[in-house]
Amino acid sequence: MNPTRYLAHLEGLTVFAADGQAVLFDARDGGLHLLTELPWAVMERICTQAMDTEAVKAALRAEYPDDDPAEQAAAVDRALNELVTLGLVREWTP
């Protein structure tokens, strides 16, 4: 069984990004979302390519090598769950 892969759901979003954070306006439901550094970094990784959780974690470990790996992995899990709940990221199946 293949692991779940995720892809950012960008249709209908207006994105304002600066200083490692982003504000997203979702025209589909009128929602306004502030993404702090880690959730935005996750979104950036899966905007153009579907990735499973471990691939996202590996990409962020390479970018932020000084972070505690266990804390970073848990934070990525939380960020993905939050992004899916908000409808900004969806599970992707080929």
N, C-alpha and C. Protein backbone atom coordinates (compact mmCIF):
# COMPACT_ATOMS: atom_id res chain seq x y z
N MET A 1 0.83 -1.18 0.00
CA MET A 1 0.00 0.00 0.00
C MET A 1 0.88 1.25 0.00
N ASN A 2 0.59 2.17 -0.90
CA ASN A 2 1.36 3.40 -1.00
C ASN A 2 0.94 4.38 0.08
N PRO A 3 1.89 5.16 0.60
CA PRO A 3 1.52 6.17 1.60
C PRO A 3 0.68 7.27 0.98
N THR A 4 -0.13 7.91 1.79
CA THR A 4 -0.96 9.03 1.33
C THR A 4 -0.06 10.16 0.85
N ARG A 5 -0.40 10.69 -0.30
CA ARG A 5 0.32 11.84 -0.83
C ARG A 5 -0.60 13.05 -0.75
N TYR A 6 0.00 14.22 -0.62
CA TYR A 6 -0.75 15.46 -0.46
C TYR A 6 -0.37 16.44 -1.55
N LEU A 7 -1.34 17.28 -1.93
CA LEU A 7 -1.11 18.31 -2.92
C LEU A 7 -1.87 19.56 -2.48
N ALA A 8 -1.22 20.72 -2.62
CA ALA A 8 -1.88 21.97 -2.24
C ALA A 8 -3.05 22.23 -3.17
N HIS A 9 -4.13 22.72 -2.62
CA HIS A 9 -5.36 23.00 -3.36
C HIS A 9 -5.41 24.51 -3.57
N LEU A 10 -4.78 24.98 -4.66
CA LEU A 10 -4.59 26.42 -4.86
C LEU A 10 -5.70 27.10 -5.66
N GLU A 11 -6.57 26.33 -6.29
CA GLU A 11 -7.63 26.94 -7.09
C GLU A 11 -8.49 27.83 -6.19
N GLY A 12 -8.73 29.05 -6.64
CA GLY A 12 -9.57 29.97 -5.89
C GLY A 12 -8.86 30.69 -4.76
N LEU A 13 -7.54 30.51 -4.63
CA LEU A 13 -6.79 31.18 -3.56
C LEU A 13 -6.02 32.37 -4.09
N THR A 14 -6.01 33.44 -3.32
CA THR A 14 -5.12 34.57 -3.56
C THR A 14 -4.11 34.54 -2.44
N VAL A 15 -2.82 34.55 -2.80
CA VAL A 15 -1.76 34.37 -1.81
C VAL A 15 -0.91 35.63 -1.73
N PHE A 16 -0.69 36.10 -0.52
CA PHE A 16 0.23 37.19 -0.23
C PHE A 16 1.30 36.62 0.69
N ALA A 17 2.52 36.47 0.19
CA ALA A 17 3.58 35.85 0.98
C ALA A 17 4.73 36.82 1.18
N ALA A 18 5.26 36.83 2.41
CA ALA A 18 6.41 37.66 2.74
C ALA A 18 7.02 37.16 4.04
N ASP A 19 8.32 37.26 4.14
CA ASP A 19 9.04 36.92 5.36
C ASP A 19 8.73 35.50 5.86
N GLY A 20 8.58 34.56 4.93
CA GLY A 20 8.37 33.18 5.31
C GLY A 20 6.97 32.83 5.78
N GLN A 21 6.05 33.78 5.70
CA GLN A 21 4.66 33.55 6.10
C GLN A 21 3.75 33.91 4.92
N ALA A 22 2.48 33.55 5.04
CA ALA A 22 1.56 33.86 3.96
C ALA A 22 0.17 34.12 4.50
N VAL A 23 -0.54 35.00 3.82
CA VAL A 23 -1.96 35.21 4.05
C VAL A 23 -2.64 34.71 2.78
N LEU A 24 -3.63 33.85 2.97
CA LEU A 24 -4.36 33.29 1.84
C LEU A 24 -5.82 33.67 1.95
N PHE A 25 -6.35 34.22 0.85
CA PHE A 25 -7.78 34.49 0.78
C PHE A 25 -8.39 33.40 -0.07
N ASP A 26 -9.38 32.72 0.46
CA ASP A 26 -10.05 31.62 -0.23
C ASP A 26 -11.39 32.13 -0.76
N ALA A 27 -11.43 32.43 -2.06
CA ALA A 27 -12.65 32.96 -2.67
C ALA A 27 -13.78 31.94 -2.68
N ARG A 28 -13.45 30.66 -2.51
CA ARG A 28 -14.49 29.62 -2.52
C ARG A 28 -15.42 29.77 -1.34
N ASP A 29 -14.87 30.16 -0.18
CA ASP A 29 -15.72 30.26 1.01
C ASP A 29 -15.54 31.58 1.76
N GLY A 30 -14.72 32.48 1.22
CA GLY A 30 -14.50 33.77 1.85
C GLY A 30 -13.53 33.72 3.02
N GLY A 31 -12.88 32.57 3.21
CA GLY A 31 -11.95 32.41 4.34
C GLY A 31 -10.65 33.16 4.13
N LEU A 32 -10.11 33.63 5.22
CA LEU A 32 -8.82 34.30 5.23
C LEU A 32 -7.94 33.53 6.21
N HIS A 33 -6.78 33.07 5.75
CA HIS A 33 -5.92 32.22 6.56
C HIS A 33 -4.52 32.81 6.66
N LEU A 34 -3.99 32.86 7.86
CA LEU A 34 -2.60 33.26 8.08
C LEU A 34 -1.81 31.99 8.32
N LEU A 35 -0.83 31.74 7.47
CA LEU A 35 0.03 30.58 7.65
C LEU A 35 1.38 31.06 8.16
N THR A 36 1.77 30.54 9.31
CA THR A 36 3.08 30.84 9.84
C THR A 36 4.13 30.07 9.06
N GLU A 37 5.36 30.18 9.46
CA GLU A 37 6.48 29.68 8.66
C GLU A 37 6.37 28.20 8.29
N LEU A 38 6.13 27.33 9.25
CA LEU A 38 6.12 25.90 8.94
C LEU A 38 4.95 25.48 8.04
N PRO A 39 3.70 25.85 8.37
CA PRO A 39 2.62 25.47 7.44
C PRO A 39 2.82 26.03 6.03
N TRP A 40 3.35 27.25 5.93
CA TRP A 40 3.59 27.82 4.62
C TRP A 40 4.71 27.05 3.90
N ALA A 41 5.75 26.66 4.63
CA ALA A 41 6.83 25.86 4.03
C ALA A 41 6.29 24.53 3.51
N VAL A 42 5.37 23.92 4.26
CA VAL A 42 4.74 22.67 3.81
C VAL A 42 3.96 22.93 2.53
N MET A 43 3.15 23.99 2.51
CA MET A 43 2.36 24.32 1.31
C MET A 43 3.27 24.54 0.10
N GLU A 44 4.37 25.25 0.31
CA GLU A 44 5.28 25.52 -0.80
C GLU A 44 5.84 24.23 -1.39
N ARG A 45 6.13 23.26 -0.55
CA ARG A 45 6.69 21.99 -1.02
C ARG A 45 5.70 21.20 -1.87
N ILE A 46 4.42 21.32 -1.56
CA ILE A 46 3.43 20.48 -2.25
C ILE A 46 2.54 21.28 -3.21
N CYS A 47 2.99 22.46 -3.59
CA CYS A 47 2.22 23.27 -4.55
C CYS A 47 2.27 22.68 -5.96
N THR A 48 3.38 22.17 -6.35
CA THR A 48 3.54 21.71 -7.73
C THR A 48 3.74 20.20 -7.84
N GLN A 49 4.00 19.56 -6.71
CA GLN A 49 4.26 18.12 -6.74
C GLN A 49 3.66 17.47 -5.51
N ALA A 50 2.86 16.44 -5.73
CA ALA A 50 2.29 15.70 -4.61
C ALA A 50 3.42 14.99 -3.87
N MET A 51 3.38 15.04 -2.55
CA MET A 51 4.41 14.40 -1.73
C MET A 51 3.74 13.70 -0.56
N ASP A 52 4.36 12.60 -0.13
CA ASP A 52 3.86 11.97 1.09
C ASP A 52 4.50 12.66 2.28
N THR A 53 4.01 12.32 3.45
CA THR A 53 4.45 12.99 4.68
C THR A 53 5.96 12.87 4.88
N GLU A 54 6.50 11.70 4.64
CA GLU A 54 7.94 11.50 4.85
C GLU A 54 8.78 12.33 3.89
N ALA A 55 8.32 12.51 2.66
CA ALA A 55 9.04 13.34 1.70
C ALA A 55 9.02 14.81 2.12
N VAL A 56 7.88 15.26 2.64
CA VAL A 56 7.79 16.64 3.14
C VAL A 56 8.75 16.82 4.31
N LYS A 57 8.75 15.86 5.23
CA LYS A 57 9.63 15.94 6.39
C LYS A 57 11.09 15.96 5.97
N ALA A 58 11.45 15.13 5.00
CA ALA A 58 12.85 15.07 4.53
C ALA A 58 13.26 16.40 3.89
N ALA A 59 12.36 16.99 3.10
CA ALA A 59 12.66 18.27 2.46
C ALA A 59 12.89 19.36 3.50
N LEU A 60 12.06 19.37 4.53
CA LEU A 60 12.20 20.40 5.56
C LEU A 60 13.40 20.14 6.47
N ARG A 61 13.72 18.88 6.71
CA ARG A 61 14.95 18.58 7.48
C ARG A 61 16.17 19.12 6.76
N ALA A 62 16.18 18.98 5.44
CA ALA A 62 17.31 19.48 4.65
C ALA A 62 17.38 21.01 4.70
N GLU A 63 16.22 21.65 4.73
CA GLU A 63 16.19 23.11 4.75
C GLU A 63 16.45 23.70 6.14
N TYR A 64 16.01 22.98 7.17
CA TYR A 64 16.16 23.44 8.56
C TYR A 64 16.90 22.38 9.38
N PRO A 65 18.18 22.15 9.07
CA PRO A 65 18.91 21.05 9.71
C PRO A 65 19.17 21.24 11.21
N ASP A 66 19.07 22.47 11.72
CA ASP A 66 19.33 22.71 13.13
C ASP A 66 18.14 22.44 14.03
N ASP A 67 16.95 22.26 13.45
CA ASP A 67 15.75 21.97 14.24
C ASP A 67 15.80 20.56 14.79
N ASP A 68 15.19 20.36 15.94
CA ASP A 68 15.09 19.02 16.52
C ASP A 68 14.24 18.16 15.59
N PRO A 69 14.77 17.03 15.09
CA PRO A 69 14.04 16.22 14.12
C PRO A 69 12.68 15.71 14.62
N ALA A 70 12.59 15.28 15.86
CA ALA A 70 11.33 14.76 16.39
C ALA A 70 10.29 15.88 16.50
N GLU A 71 10.70 17.03 17.00
CA GLU A 71 9.78 18.16 17.11
C GLU A 71 9.33 18.64 15.73
N GLN A 72 10.27 18.68 14.79
CA GLN A 72 9.95 19.12 13.45
C GLN A 72 8.98 18.13 12.78
N ALA A 73 9.19 16.84 12.95
CA ALA A 73 8.30 15.83 12.36
C ALA A 73 6.89 15.96 12.92
N ALA A 74 6.79 16.16 14.22
CA ALA A 74 5.47 16.32 14.85
C ALA A 74 4.80 17.60 14.35
N ALA A 75 5.57 18.66 14.17
CA ALA A 75 5.02 19.92 13.68
C ALA A 75 4.54 19.79 12.23
N VAL A 76 5.25 19.03 11.41
CA VAL A 76 4.82 18.80 10.04
C VAL A 76 3.51 18.02 10.03
N ASP A 77 3.39 17.00 10.88
CA ASP A 77 2.14 16.24 10.97
C ASP A 77 0.97 17.16 11.35
N ARG A 78 1.19 18.02 12.34
CA ARG A 78 0.14 18.96 12.76
C ARG A 78 -0.22 19.92 11.63
N ALA A 79 0.81 20.44 10.95
CA ALA A 79 0.58 21.39 9.86
C ALA A 79 -0.22 20.74 8.73
N LEU A 80 0.14 19.53 8.34
CA LEU A 80 -0.60 18.84 7.29
C LEU A 80 -2.05 18.61 7.69
N ASN A 81 -2.27 18.17 8.92
CA ASN A 81 -3.64 17.96 9.39
C ASN A 81 -4.44 19.25 9.34
N GLU A 82 -3.83 20.34 9.79
CA GLU A 82 -4.51 21.64 9.79
C GLU A 82 -4.83 22.09 8.37
N LEU A 83 -3.86 21.95 7.47
CA LEU A 83 -4.06 22.37 6.09
C LEU A 83 -5.14 21.56 5.39
N VAL A 84 -5.20 20.27 5.68
CA VAL A 84 -6.26 19.43 5.11
C VAL A 84 -7.61 19.86 5.68
N THR A 85 -7.68 20.09 6.98
CA THR A 85 -8.92 20.51 7.63
C THR A 85 -9.42 21.84 7.05
N LEU A 86 -8.51 22.75 6.75
CA LEU A 86 -8.88 24.05 6.19
C LEU A 86 -9.26 23.96 4.71
N GLY A 87 -8.99 22.83 4.08
CA GLY A 87 -9.28 22.67 2.66
C GLY A 87 -8.22 23.25 1.75
N LEU A 88 -7.05 23.56 2.30
CA LEU A 88 -5.97 24.14 1.52
C LEU A 88 -5.08 23.07 0.90
N VAL A 89 -5.14 21.87 1.45
CA VAL A 89 -4.36 20.74 0.97
C VAL A 89 -5.32 19.56 0.87
N ARG A 90 -5.12 18.75 -0.15
CA ARG A 90 -5.97 17.56 -0.30
C ARG A 90 -5.11 16.32 -0.48
N GLU A 91 -5.69 15.20 -0.15
CA GLU A 91 -5.03 13.94 -0.42
C GLU A 91 -5.06 13.75 -1.93
N TRP A 92 -3.97 13.21 -2.47
CA TRP A 92 -3.84 13.07 -3.91
C TRP A 92 -3.62 11.62 -4.26
N THR A 93 -4.37 11.17 -5.26
CA THR A 93 -4.16 9.82 -5.77
C THR A 93 -3.97 9.92 -7.27
N PRO A 94 -2.94 9.26 -7.77
CA PRO A 94 -2.67 9.32 -9.22
C PRO A 94 -3.75 8.64 -10.03
